[in-house]
C-alpha atoms as a PDB file:
ATOM      1  CA  MET A   1       0.000   0.000   0.000  1.00  0.00           C
ATOM      2  CA  LYS A   2       1.318   3.435  -0.967  1.00  0.00           C
ATOM      3  CA  THR A   3       1.079   5.049   2.443  1.00  0.00           C
ATOM      4  CA  ARG A   4       3.324   7.870   1.210  1.00  0.00           C
ATOM      5  CA  GLY A   5       1.194   8.550  -1.865  1.00  0.00           C
ATOM      6  CA  VAL A   6       2.687   9.309  -5.290  1.00  0.00           C
ATOM      7  CA  LEU A   7       4.817  12.272  -6.353  1.00  0.00           C
ATOM      8  CA  ILE A   8       5.470  13.005 -10.031  1.00  0.00           C
ATOM      9  CA  ALA A   9       8.278  15.565 -10.397  1.00  0.00           C
ATOM     10  CA  GLY A  10       9.256  16.917 -13.803  1.00  0.00           C
ATOM     11  CA  ASN A  11      12.856  18.123 -14.109  1.00  0.00           C
ATOM     12  CA  TRP A  12      12.946  20.535 -17.043  1.00  0.00           C
ATOM     13  CA  LYS A  13      16.744  20.884 -16.884  1.00  0.00           C
ATOM     14  CA  MET A  14      17.928  23.673 -19.258  1.00  0.00           C
ATOM     15  CA  ASN A  15      14.694  23.873 -21.229  1.00  0.00           C
ATOM     16  CA  PHE A  16      11.764  26.300 -21.563  1.00  0.00           C
ATOM     17  CA  THR A  17      11.845  30.071 -21.841  1.00  0.00           C
ATOM     18  CA  LEU A  18       9.332  32.265 -20.005  1.00  0.00           C
ATOM     19  CA  ARG A  19       6.976  32.041 -22.988  1.00  0.00           C
ATOM     20  CA  GLU A  20       7.318  28.275 -23.237  1.00  0.00           C
ATOM     21  CA  THR A  21       6.726  27.926 -19.508  1.00  0.00           C
ATOM     22  CA  GLY A  22       3.428  29.778 -19.828  1.00  0.00           C
ATOM     23  CA  GLU A  23       2.436  27.680 -22.832  1.00  0.00           C
ATOM     24  CA  PHE A  24       3.176  24.452 -20.961  1.00  0.00           C
ATOM     25  CA  PHE A  25       0.981  25.390 -18.011  1.00  0.00           C
ATOM     26  CA  ALA A  26      -1.813  26.605 -20.288  1.00  0.00           C
ATOM     27  CA  LYS A  27      -1.832  23.309 -22.174  1.00  0.00           C
ATOM     28  CA  VAL A  28      -1.785  21.259 -18.969  1.00  0.00           C
ATOM     29  CA  LYS A  29      -4.665  23.293 -17.565  1.00  0.00           C
ATOM     30  CA  GLY A  30      -6.694  22.967 -20.757  1.00  0.00           C
ATOM     31  CA  ASP A  31      -6.223  19.223 -21.122  1.00  0.00           C
ATOM     32  CA  ALA A  32      -6.334  18.133 -17.467  1.00  0.00           C
ATOM     33  CA  ALA A  33     -10.042  17.314 -17.326  1.00  0.00           C
ATOM     34  CA  LYS A  34      -9.915  14.856 -20.223  1.00  0.00           C
ATOM     35  CA  ALA A  35      -6.435  13.450 -19.530  1.00  0.00           C
ATOM     36  CA  LEU A  36      -6.787  12.603 -15.832  1.00  0.00           C
ATOM     37  CA  PRO A  37      -9.060   9.903 -14.381  1.00  0.00           C
ATOM     38  CA  ALA A  38     -11.896  10.881 -12.068  1.00  0.00           C
ATOM     39  CA  SER A  39      -9.939   9.522  -9.100  1.00  0.00           C
ATOM     40  CA  ALA A  40      -7.252  12.184  -9.590  1.00  0.00           C
ATOM     41  CA  SER A  41      -9.372  14.933  -8.030  1.00  0.00           C
ATOM     42  CA  SER A  42      -9.705  13.213  -4.677  1.00  0.00           C
ATOM     43  CA  ALA A  43      -6.067  12.052  -4.808  1.00  0.00           C
ATOM     44  CA  PHE A  44      -4.902  15.645  -5.271  1.00  0.00           C
ATOM     45  CA  ALA A  45      -7.335  16.922  -2.622  1.00  0.00           C
ATOM     46  CA  THR A  46      -6.045  14.501   0.008  1.00  0.00           C
ATOM     47  CA  GLY A  47      -2.392  15.023  -0.945  1.00  0.00           C
ATOM     48  CA  ARG A  48      -1.923  11.391  -1.933  1.00  0.00           C
ATOM     49  CA  LEU A  49      -1.092  12.510  -5.478  1.00  0.00           C
ATOM     50  CA  ARG A  50       1.344  15.393  -5.871  1.00  0.00           C
ATOM     51  CA  ALA A  51       2.712  17.129  -8.957  1.00  0.00           C
ATOM     52  CA  CYS A  52       5.917  19.155  -9.145  1.00  0.00           C
ATOM     53  CA  VAL A  53       7.823  20.900 -11.935  1.00  0.00           C
ATOM     54  CA  ILE A  54      11.468  21.932 -11.686  1.00  0.00           C
ATOM     55  CA  PRO A  55      12.136  24.773 -14.159  1.00  0.00           C
ATOM     56  CA  PRO A  56      15.415  26.560 -14.912  1.00  0.00           C
ATOM     57  CA  MET A  57      16.255  29.596 -12.810  1.00  0.00           C
ATOM     58  CA  LEU A  58      14.792  32.321 -15.021  1.00  0.00           C
ATOM     59  CA  SER A  59      11.459  30.532 -15.391  1.00  0.00           C
ATOM     60  CA  LEU A  60      10.824  30.016 -11.672  1.00  0.00           C
ATOM     61  CA  GLY A  61       8.782  33.182 -11.208  1.00  0.00           C
ATOM     62  CA  ARG A  62       6.675  32.555 -14.317  1.00  0.00           C
ATOM     63  CA  ALA A  63       6.062  28.969 -13.226  1.00  0.00           C
ATOM     64  CA  MET A  64       4.917  30.110  -9.793  1.00  0.00           C
ATOM     65  CA  GLU A  65       2.454  32.552 -11.344  1.00  0.00           C
ATOM     66  CA  ALA A  66       1.038  29.888 -13.644  1.00  0.00           C
ATOM     67  CA  ALA A  67       0.890  27.244 -10.904  1.00  0.00           C
ATOM     68  CA  ARG A  68      -1.432  29.452  -8.870  1.00  0.00           C
ATOM     69  CA  GLU A  69      -3.982  29.215 -11.708  1.00  0.00           C
ATOM     70  CA  ALA A  70      -3.515  25.519 -12.471  1.00  0.00           C
ATOM     71  CA  ALA A  71      -6.390  23.060 -12.569  1.00  0.00           C
ATOM     72  CA  PHE A  72      -4.777  21.024  -9.769  1.00  0.00           C
ATOM     73  CA  PRO A  73      -1.991  21.700  -7.245  1.00  0.00           C
ATOM     74  CA  ILE A  74       1.458  21.914  -8.852  1.00  0.00           C
ATOM     75  CA  ALA A  75       4.518  22.612  -6.713  1.00  0.00           C
ATOM     76  CA  VAL A  76       7.478  24.446  -8.226  1.00  0.00           C
ATOM     77  CA  ALA A  77      11.021  23.482  -7.268  1.00  0.00           C
ATOM     78  CA  ALA A  78      14.405  25.037  -7.957  1.00  0.00           C
ATOM     79  CA  GLN A  79      17.094  22.940  -9.619  1.00  0.00           C
ATOM     80  CA  ASN A  80      19.740  24.026  -7.123  1.00  0.00           C
ATOM     81  CA  ALA A  81      20.399  26.286  -4.117  1.00  0.00           C
ATOM     82  CA  HIS A  82      23.500  27.157  -2.128  1.00  0.00           C
ATOM     83  CA  TRP A  83      23.913  26.182   1.523  1.00  0.00           C
ATOM     84  CA  GLU A  84      24.715  29.789   2.537  1.00  0.00           C
ATOM     85  CA  LYS A  85      21.912  32.328   2.718  1.00  0.00           C
ATOM     86  CA  LYS A  86      24.005  35.038   1.039  1.00  0.00           C
ATOM     87  CA  GLY A  87      27.593  35.747   0.056  1.00  0.00           C
ATOM     88  CA  ALA A  88      30.178  35.799  -2.726  1.00  0.00           C
ATOM     89  CA  PHE A  89      28.933  32.766  -4.653  1.00  0.00           C
ATOM     90  CA  THR A  90      28.550  33.917  -8.252  1.00  0.00           C
ATOM     91  CA  GLY A  91      25.952  32.014 -10.220  1.00  0.00           C
ATOM     92  CA  GLU A  92      24.212  30.520  -7.181  1.00  0.00           C
ATOM     93  CA  LEU A  93      20.764  30.984  -5.645  1.00  0.00           C
ATOM     94  CA  SER A  94      20.029  31.214  -1.930  1.00  0.00           C
ATOM     95  CA  GLY A  95      17.181  29.884   0.141  1.00  0.00           C
ATOM     96  CA  PRO A  96      15.818  33.324   1.054  1.00  0.00           C
ATOM     97  CA  MET A  97      15.742  34.296  -2.634  1.00  0.00           C
ATOM     98  CA  LEU A  98      13.629  31.247  -3.423  1.00  0.00           C
ATOM     99  CA  GLN A  99      11.386  31.751  -0.413  1.00  0.00           C
ATOM    100  CA  GLU A 100      10.645  35.305  -1.560  1.00  0.00           C
ATOM    101  CA  LEU A 101       9.282  33.773  -4.772  1.00  0.00           C
ATOM    102  CA  GLY A 102       7.154  31.391  -2.721  1.00  0.00           C
ATOM    103  CA  ILE A 103       9.224  28.337  -3.627  1.00  0.00           C
ATOM    104  CA  SER A 104       9.528  25.644  -0.978  1.00  0.00           C
ATOM    105  CA  TRP A 105      11.034  22.750  -2.968  1.00  0.00           C
ATOM    106  CA  VAL A 106      14.650  22.283  -4.141  1.00  0.00           C
ATOM    107  CA  LEU A 107      16.301  19.545  -6.207  1.00  0.00           C
ATOM    108  CA  ASN A 108      19.709  18.585  -4.856  1.00  0.00           C
ATOM    109  CA  GLY A 109      22.592  16.401  -6.015  1.00  0.00           C
ATOM    110  CA  HIS A 110      21.332  15.553  -9.497  1.00  0.00           C
ATOM    111  CA  SER A 111      23.821  13.412 -11.418  1.00  0.00           C
ATOM    112  CA  GLU A 112      24.344  16.176 -13.972  1.00  0.00           C
ATOM    113  CA  ARG A 113      25.328  18.566 -11.173  1.00  0.00           C
ATOM    114  CA  ARG A 114      27.792  15.955  -9.949  1.00  0.00           C
ATOM    115  CA  GLN A 115      29.107  15.121 -13.431  1.00  0.00           C
ATOM    116  CA  TYR A 116      29.386  18.581 -14.992  1.00  0.00           C
ATOM    117  CA  PHE A 117      29.579  21.053 -12.099  1.00  0.00           C
ATOM    118  CA  GLY A 118      31.720  19.387  -9.472  1.00  0.00           C
ATOM    119  CA  GLU A 119      29.091  18.517  -6.874  1.00  0.00           C
ATOM    120  CA  THR A 120      30.397  16.058  -4.286  1.00  0.00           C
ATOM    121  CA  ASP A 121      28.797  14.078  -1.483  1.00  0.00           C
ATOM    122  CA  GLU A 122      30.071  16.773   0.886  1.00  0.00           C
ATOM    123  CA  THR A 123      28.545  19.743  -0.965  1.00  0.00           C
ATOM    124  CA  VAL A 124      25.319  17.809  -1.442  1.00  0.00           C
ATOM    125  CA  ARG A 125      25.198  17.190   2.321  1.00  0.00           C
ATOM    126  CA  LYS A 126      25.787  20.889   3.048  1.00  0.00           C
ATOM    127  CA  ARG A 127      22.899  21.832   0.781  1.00  0.00           C
ATOM    128  CA  THR A 128      20.657  19.138   2.243  1.00  0.00           C
ATOM    129  CA  GLU A 129      21.313  20.178   5.842  1.00  0.00           C
ATOM    130  CA  SER A 130      20.953  23.894   5.183  1.00  0.00           C
ATOM    131  CA  LEU A 131      17.812  23.640   3.051  1.00  0.00           C
ATOM    132  CA  LEU A 132      16.042  21.346   5.500  1.00  0.00           C
ATOM    133  CA  GLU A 133      16.976  23.692   8.351  1.00  0.00           C
ATOM    134  CA  GLN A 134      15.441  26.550   6.350  1.00  0.00           C
ATOM    135  CA  GLY A 135      12.192  24.630   5.977  1.00  0.00           C
ATOM    136  CA  PHE A 136      12.472  23.507   2.350  1.00  0.00           C
ATOM    137  CA  ARG A 137      11.355  20.215   0.924  1.00  0.00           C
ATOM    138  CA  VAL A 138      14.414  18.618  -0.679  1.00  0.00           C
ATOM    139  CA  ILE A 139      14.526  16.074  -3.504  1.00  0.00           C
ATOM    140  CA  LEU A 140      17.900  14.399  -2.975  1.00  0.00           C
ATOM    141  CA  CYS A 141      19.289  12.483  -5.971  1.00  0.00           C
ATOM    142  CA  ILE A 142      21.581   9.474  -5.782  1.00  0.00           C
ATOM    143  CA  GLY A 143      22.453   6.654  -8.161  1.00  0.00           C
ATOM    144  CA  GLU A 144      25.157   4.508  -9.688  1.00  0.00           C
ATOM    145  CA  THR A 145      26.851   4.607 -13.102  1.00  0.00           C
ATOM    146  CA  ARG A 146      26.674   1.751 -15.580  1.00  0.00           C
ATOM    147  CA  GLU A 147      30.227   0.712 -14.742  1.00  0.00           C
ATOM    148  CA  GLU A 148      29.430   0.618 -11.038  1.00  0.00           C
ATOM    149  CA  ARG A 149      26.337  -1.507 -11.636  1.00  0.00           C
ATOM    150  CA  GLU A 150      28.205  -3.932 -13.894  1.00  0.00           C
ATOM    151  CA  LYS A 151      30.826  -4.354 -11.172  1.00  0.00           C
ATOM    152  CA  GLY A 152      28.117  -5.157  -8.614  1.00  0.00           C
ATOM    153  CA  ARG A 153      28.747  -1.975  -6.629  1.00  0.00           C
ATOM    154  CA  THR A 154      25.213  -0.545  -6.647  1.00  0.00           C
ATOM    155  CA  THR A 155      24.555  -1.061  -2.927  1.00  0.00           C
ATOM    156  CA  GLU A 156      28.018   0.254  -2.055  1.00  0.00           C
ATOM    157  CA  VAL A 157      27.472   3.431  -4.080  1.00  0.00           C
ATOM    158  CA  LEU A 158      23.978   4.040  -2.720  1.00  0.00           C
ATOM    159  CA  THR A 159      25.207   3.523   0.830  1.00  0.00           C
ATOM    160  CA  ARG A 160      28.072   5.975   0.359  1.00  0.00           C
ATOM    161  CA  GLN A 161      25.995   8.647  -1.353  1.00  0.00           C
ATOM    162  CA  LEU A 162      23.064   8.418   1.043  1.00  0.00           C
ATOM    163  CA  SER A 163      25.280   8.385   4.130  1.00  0.00           C
ATOM    164  CA  GLY A 164      27.377  11.240   2.773  1.00  0.00           C
ATOM    165  CA  ALA A 165      24.413  13.404   1.819  1.00  0.00           C
ATOM    166  CA  LEU A 166      22.458  13.228   5.080  1.00  0.00           C
ATOM    167  CA  PRO A 167      23.175  14.734   8.498  1.00  0.00           C
ATOM    168  CA  GLU A 168      24.384  12.397  11.210  1.00  0.00           C
ATOM    169  CA  ALA A 169      21.569  10.697  13.101  1.00  0.00           C
ATOM    170  CA  GLY A 170      22.894  12.128  16.371  1.00  0.00           C
ATOM    171  CA  LYS A 171      22.343  15.677  15.104  1.00  0.00           C
ATOM    172  CA  GLY A 172      18.584  15.286  15.136  1.00  0.00           C
ATOM    173  CA  ALA A 173      18.381  14.492  11.446  1.00  0.00           C
ATOM    174  CA  ALA A 174      15.459  12.146  12.005  1.00  0.00           C
ATOM    175  CA  LYS A 175      13.177  15.122  12.649  1.00  0.00           C
ATOM    176  CA  PHE A 176      13.600  16.073   8.988  1.00  0.00           C
ATOM    177  CA  LEU A 177      12.508  12.656   7.759  1.00  0.00           C
ATOM    178  CA  ASP A 178       8.867  13.638   8.044  1.00  0.00           C
ATOM    179  CA  GLY A 179       8.106  13.716   4.321  1.00  0.00           C
ATOM    180  CA  ARG A 180      10.049  16.923   3.623  1.00  0.00           C
ATOM    181  CA  LEU A 181      13.044  14.911   2.447  1.00  0.00           C
ATOM    182  CA  VAL A 182      12.397  13.007  -0.776  1.00  0.00           C
ATOM    183  CA  ILE A 183      15.063  10.679  -2.159  1.00  0.00           C
ATOM    184  CA  ALA A 184      15.256  10.083  -5.898  1.00  0.00           C
ATOM    185  CA  TYR A 185      17.081   6.977  -7.065  1.00  0.00           C
ATOM    186  CA  GLU A 186      18.351   7.857 -10.524  1.00  0.00           C
ATOM    187  CA  PRO A 187      20.601   5.174 -12.036  1.00  0.00           C
ATOM    188  CA  VAL A 188      22.957   7.304 -14.117  1.00  0.00           C
ATOM    189  CA  TRP A 189      23.044   4.668 -16.848  1.00  0.00           C
ATOM    190  CA  ALA A 190      19.295   5.141 -17.413  1.00  0.00           C
ATOM    191  CA  ILE A 191      19.149   8.950 -17.581  1.00  0.00           C
ATOM    192  CA  GLY A 192      18.415  10.168 -21.088  1.00  0.00           C
ATOM    193  CA  THR A 193      19.645   6.889 -22.590  1.00  0.00           C
ATOM    194  CA  GLY A 194      16.321   5.227 -23.243  1.00  0.00           C
ATOM    195  CA  LEU A 195      17.389   2.467 -20.858  1.00  0.00           C
ATOM    196  CA  THR A 196      15.173   1.937 -17.841  1.00  0.00           C
ATOM    197  CA  ALA A 197      15.636  -0.173 -14.761  1.00  0.00           C
ATOM    198  CA  THR A 198      13.182  -3.032 -14.676  1.00  0.00           C
ATOM    199  CA  PRO A 199      10.543  -2.835 -11.955  1.00  0.00           C
ATOM    200  CA  ALA A 200      12.479  -5.552 -10.121  1.00  0.00           C
ATOM    201  CA  GLN A 201      15.739  -3.560 -10.321  1.00  0.00           C
ATOM    202  CA  ALA A 202      14.000  -0.360  -9.192  1.00  0.00           C
ATOM    203  CA  GLU A 203      12.298  -2.102  -6.266  1.00  0.00           C
ATOM    204  CA  GLU A 204      15.545  -3.767  -5.208  1.00  0.00           C
ATOM    205  CA  ALA A 205      17.367  -0.421  -5.101  1.00  0.00           C
ATOM    206  CA  HIS A 206      14.493   1.304  -3.306  1.00  0.00           C
ATOM    207  CA  ALA A 207      14.232  -1.498  -0.746  1.00  0.00           C
ATOM    208  CA  THR A 208      17.973  -1.090  -0.125  1.00  0.00           C
ATOM    209  CA  LEU A 209      17.485   2.642   0.459  1.00  0.00           C
ATOM    210  CA  ARG A 210      14.567   2.022   2.812  1.00  0.00           C
ATOM    211  CA  LYS A 211      16.702  -0.368   4.851  1.00  0.00           C
ATOM    212  CA  LEU A 212      19.597   2.107   4.960  1.00  0.00           C
ATOM    213  CA  LEU A 213      17.242   4.792   6.244  1.00  0.00           C
ATOM    214  CA  THR A 214      15.760   2.404   8.791  1.00  0.00           C
ATOM    215  CA  ASP A 215      19.156   1.328  10.075  1.00  0.00           C
ATOM    216  CA  ARG A 216      20.286   4.934  10.482  1.00  0.00           C
ATOM    217  CA  PHE A 217      17.166   6.772  11.599  1.00  0.00           C
ATOM    218  CA  GLY A 218      14.639   4.145  12.647  1.00  0.00           C
ATOM    219  CA  SER A 219      11.635   2.575  10.969  1.00  0.00           C
ATOM    220  CA  GLU A 220       9.194   5.439  11.633  1.00  0.00           C
ATOM    221  CA  ALA A 221      11.374   8.083  10.010  1.00  0.00           C
ATOM    222  CA  ALA A 222      12.228   5.775   7.110  1.00  0.00           C
ATOM    223  CA  SER A 223       8.571   4.964   6.496  1.00  0.00           C
ATOM    224  CA  HIS A 224       7.770   8.666   6.024  1.00  0.00           C
ATOM    225  CA  THR A 225      10.452   9.247   3.383  1.00  0.00           C
ATOM    226  CA  PRO A 226       9.172   9.082  -0.215  1.00  0.00           C
ATOM    227  CA  LEU A 227      11.469   7.330  -2.696  1.00  0.00           C
ATOM    228  CA  LEU A 228      11.229   8.297  -6.362  1.00  0.00           C
ATOM    229  CA  TYR A 229      12.584   6.428  -9.369  1.00  0.00           C
ATOM    230  CA  GLY A 230      14.275   8.522 -12.048  1.00  0.00           C
ATOM    231  CA  GLY A 231      15.681   7.152 -15.286  1.00  0.00           C
ATOM    232  CA  SER A 232      13.863   7.329 -18.653  1.00  0.00           C
ATOM    233  CA  VAL A 233      10.409   7.193 -17.050  1.00  0.00           C
ATOM    234  CA  THR A 234       7.641   7.355 -19.667  1.00  0.00           C
ATOM    235  CA  PRO A 235       3.846   6.942 -19.727  1.00  0.00           C
ATOM    236  CA  GLU A 236       4.480   3.453 -21.128  1.00  0.00           C
ATOM    237  CA  ASN A 237       6.502   2.167 -18.158  1.00  0.00           C
ATOM    238  CA  ALA A 238       5.111   4.322 -15.337  1.00  0.00           C
ATOM    239  CA  ASP A 239       2.359   1.933 -14.238  1.00  0.00           C
ATOM    240  CA  SER A 240       4.724  -1.013 -13.780  1.00  0.00           C
ATOM    241  CA  LEU A 241       7.261   1.100 -11.882  1.00  0.00           C
ATOM    242  CA  LEU A 242       4.657   2.699  -9.612  1.00  0.00           C
ATOM    243  CA  ALA A 243       3.265  -0.746  -8.794  1.00  0.00           C
ATOM    244  CA  CYS A 244       6.465  -1.479  -6.832  1.00  0.00           C
ATOM    245  CA  PRO A 245       5.862  -1.227  -3.053  1.00  0.00           C
ATOM    246  CA  ASN A 246       8.829   1.084  -2.377  1.00  0.00           C
ATOM    247  CA  VAL A 247       8.513   3.270  -5.488  1.00  0.00           C
ATOM    248  CA  ASP A 248       6.586   6.344  -4.334  1.00  0.00           C
ATOM    249  CA  GLY A 249       6.737   8.313  -7.563  1.00  0.00           C
ATOM    250  CA  ALA A 250       9.037   9.405 -10.336  1.00  0.00           C
ATOM    251  CA  LEU A 251      11.602  12.074 -11.141  1.00  0.00           C
ATOM    252  CA  VAL A 252      11.074  12.592 -14.855  1.00  0.00           C
ATOM    253  CA  GLY A 253      13.211  14.345 -17.455  1.00  0.00           C
ATOM    254  CA  GLY A 254      12.245  14.334 -21.133  1.00  0.00           C
ATOM    255  CA  ALA A 255       8.705  13.039 -20.679  1.00  0.00           C
ATOM    256  CA  SER A 256       7.896  15.955 -18.377  1.00  0.00           C
ATOM    257  CA  LEU A 257       8.518  18.498 -21.147  1.00  0.00           C
ATOM    258  CA  LYS A 258       5.408  17.522 -23.087  1.00  0.00           C
ATOM    259  CA  PRO A 259       2.107  18.464 -21.432  1.00  0.00           C
ATOM    260  CA  GLU A 260       0.396  15.332 -22.732  1.00  0.00           C
ATOM    261  CA  SER A 261       3.020  12.953 -21.358  1.00  0.00           C
ATOM    262  CA  PHE A 262       3.263  14.856 -18.043  1.00  0.00           C
ATOM    263  CA  LEU A 263      -0.494  14.456 -17.652  1.00  0.00           C
ATOM    264  CA  ALA A 264      -0.232  10.772 -18.631  1.00  0.00           C
ATOM    265  CA  LEU A 265       2.317  10.264 -15.864  1.00  0.00           C
ATOM    266  CA  LEU A 266      -0.004  11.950 -13.362  1.00  0.00           C
ATOM    267  CA  ALA A 267      -2.797   9.688 -14.575  1.00  0.00           C
ATOM    268  CA  ALA A 268      -0.556   6.699 -13.820  1.00  0.00           C
ATOM    269  CA  GLY A 269       0.043   8.171 -10.378  1.00  0.00           C
ATOM    270  CA  ALA A 270      -3.692   8.515  -9.796  1.00  0.00           C
ATOM    271  CA  ARG A 271      -4.209   4.877 -10.790  1.00  0.00           C
ATOM    272  CA  ALA A 272      -1.493   3.786  -8.389  1.00  0.00           C
ATOM    273  CA  CYS A 273      -3.141   5.744  -5.581  1.00  0.00           C
ATOM    274  CA  ALA A 274      -6.535   4.229  -6.372  1.00  0.00           C
ATOM    275  CA  GLN A 275      -5.156   0.692  -6.294  1.00  0.00           C
ATOM    276  CA  SER A 276      -3.344   1.057  -2.984  1.00  0.00           C
END
């Protein structure tokens, strides 16, 4: 049973201008009634089904404006934020800047940030700690490369990244595991490649993460932490992935850029909620 509900988060990466952002929301609003099952309304109303978009920096304000007029609740998240609230950090955003826009969600540690922009487990942890302290909801990304999986190191990598990205249990970290921290398992080998983990592979990784959280913070805190799967999620494979007991939603890249496929993914989420 999906006690944590379903979260569908669309990571737009470096796509969509202000105009395109407005067009996306307008299309989603116009097509929602016919694209979503009747059960979606109650799922959104009770918070069991949640939608989130993660636009590039310059489109955050426009997305917030459009989200206020959406046909159903849509959260807006930033793709990154610094651990300091202000300072000499050219090119970064701070928590207070995002809060002034009304944004309460932040993506953290995405594999592309690690691969292209030098993010490490340490900097990801600093962001996680600071953003949770500031009251944000954080989507924390972890996952192994193809080479690491082929060498049988998936559990080792997930253990290292999860342990390195979270505060120590003795520092009261468990109080943050109340649903505000969301962990996205994104196997790097499946991001933008067309390859997707099988439902069995996704469930195995998510079950490993749940156990790691339980061992470190206790079963109650672990049970409140949503785990998303991210890696070439599409409307065609969403139902089978969301049927897994420990898969609580999806972090979606390319499929979230098309209003029709974003709505199809939310429809899959509504079906998963109705079946649980």
